[in-house]
Protein backbone atom coordinates (compact mmCIF):
# COMPACT_ATOMS: atom_id res chain seq x y z
CA MET A 1 -0.19 0.01 -0.15
CA THR A 2 1.35 3.68 -1.19
CA ASP A 3 1.47 6.30 1.54
CA LEU A 4 -0.52 9.28 0.47
CA SER A 5 0.36 11.70 3.10
CA PRO A 6 3.18 13.58 1.29
CA THR A 7 0.81 13.97 -1.58
CA LEU A 8 -1.77 14.93 0.50
CA ILE A 9 0.59 17.47 2.41
CA LEU A 10 1.79 19.24 -0.64
CA ALA A 11 -2.10 19.51 -2.21
CA LEU A 12 -3.14 21.04 1.18
CA THR A 13 -0.66 23.49 1.45
CA PHE A 14 -1.74 24.67 -2.18
CA VAL A 15 -5.17 24.58 -1.39
CA VAL A 16 -4.38 26.63 1.88
CA GLY A 17 -2.43 29.16 -0.22
CA LEU A 18 -5.38 29.65 -2.59
CA LEU A 19 -7.64 30.20 0.37
CA LEU A 20 -5.88 32.81 1.94
CA GLY A 21 -5.00 34.54 -1.32
CA LEU A 22 -8.70 34.69 -2.03
CA ALA A 23 -9.84 35.94 1.67
CA ILE A 24 -6.97 38.42 1.29
CA LYS A 25 -8.08 39.83 -2.08
CA LYS A 26 -11.94 39.86 -0.76
CA GLY A 27 -10.66 41.64 2.32
CA VAL A 28 -8.63 44.74 0.92
CA VAL A 29 -11.82 45.02 -1.73
CA ALA A 30 -13.96 44.73 1.50
CA LEU A 31 -11.76 47.29 3.19
CA ILE A 32 -11.33 49.66 0.49
CA LEU A 33 -15.45 49.84 -0.24
CA GLY A 34 -15.44 50.54 3.67
CA LEU A 35 -13.47 54.01 3.40
CA VAL A 36 -15.05 54.62 0.51
CA ALA A 37 -18.29 54.44 2.12
CA ILE A 38 -16.60 56.46 5.02
CA PHE A 39 -15.72 59.18 2.57
CA LEU A 40 -19.00 59.59 0.69
CA ALA A 41 -20.88 59.64 4.37
CA SER A 42 -18.68 62.31 5.72
CA TYR A 43 -19.30 64.43 2.21
CA ILE A 44 -22.61 64.53 2.45
CA GLY A 45 -22.64 65.00 6.19
CA PHE A 46 -23.81 61.39 7.36
CA SER A 47 -21.76 60.27 10.57
CA LEU A 48 -21.85 56.76 10.68
CA ALA A 49 -20.47 57.25 14.25
CA PRO A 50 -21.68 60.15 15.82
CA ASN A 51 -18.51 60.79 18.05
CA TYR A 52 -15.98 60.04 15.49
CA SER A 53 -14.47 62.13 12.46
CA VAL A 54 -12.81 60.38 9.46
CA GLN A 55 -9.44 61.51 10.73
CA ASP A 56 -10.04 59.45 13.80
CA ILE A 57 -10.92 56.66 12.13
CA LEU A 58 -7.84 56.68 9.78
CA ASN A 59 -5.84 57.15 12.52
CA LYS A 60 -7.10 53.95 14.20
CA ILE A 61 -6.91 52.27 10.96
CA GLY A 62 -3.27 53.20 10.53
CA SER A 63 -1.89 52.29 14.03
CA HIS A 64 -3.77 48.78 13.73
CA THR A 65 -2.42 48.30 10.35
CA SER A 66 1.34 49.25 11.72
CA ILE A 67 0.99 46.82 14.50
CA VAL A 68 -0.25 44.03 11.96
CA VAL A 69 2.81 44.73 9.64
CA ASP A 70 4.97 44.57 12.31
CA GLU A 71 3.50 41.13 13.63
CA VAL A 72 3.76 39.79 10.33
CA GLN A 73 7.41 40.75 9.66
CA LYS A 74 8.28 39.11 12.65
CA LEU A 75 6.36 35.70 12.07
CA ILE A 76 7.51 35.75 8.32
CA SER A 77 10.91 36.32 8.54
CA ILE A 78 12.81 34.60 5.56
CA GLY A 79 16.60 35.26 6.05
CA TYR A 80 19.54 33.89 4.16
CA ASP A 81 19.38 30.48 6.50
CA ALA A 82 15.92 29.74 4.71
CA SER A 83 15.85 27.41 2.34
CA LEU A 84 12.84 27.42 -0.57
CA THR A 85 11.18 24.04 -0.38
CA ILE A 86 8.73 22.75 -2.59
CA THR A 87 6.00 23.46 0.10
CA ILE A 88 6.64 27.03 0.44
CA ALA A 89 6.83 27.18 -3.43
CA LEU A 90 3.44 25.62 -3.89
CA PHE A 91 1.97 27.73 -1.11
CA ALA A 92 3.26 30.74 -2.84
CA VAL A 93 1.83 29.81 -6.12
CA GLY A 94 -1.80 28.77 -4.57
CA LEU A 95 -1.60 32.46 -2.84
CA LEU A 96 -0.64 34.36 -5.71
CA ILE A 97 -3.34 32.57 -7.88
CA GLY A 98 -6.08 33.17 -5.25
CA LEU A 99 -4.95 36.98 -5.30
CA TRP A 100 -4.89 36.96 -8.81
CA LYS A 101 -8.15 35.24 -9.74
CA GLY A 102 -10.15 36.16 -6.37
């Protein structure tokens, strides 16, 4: 009987990259549409949150974004000592296809 676990791991790695790429693309689109809605609402004088201005919301988004970027850079530090394996390559291909086709 043949062992399918290495093949299954490679296939699942590709699928995880694909799904993550799709989720990232949909999240970015949702964020952009949300920001457009906030700007349009402030332009016509409608306040989505009565005690917050657009500048307050942008400052909060900016502070959270910088925290996330710093954490991602710590978690995904591919330096000179990391080798590119077939698993990482398949994950990257799946991620790129998810971002492109999503």
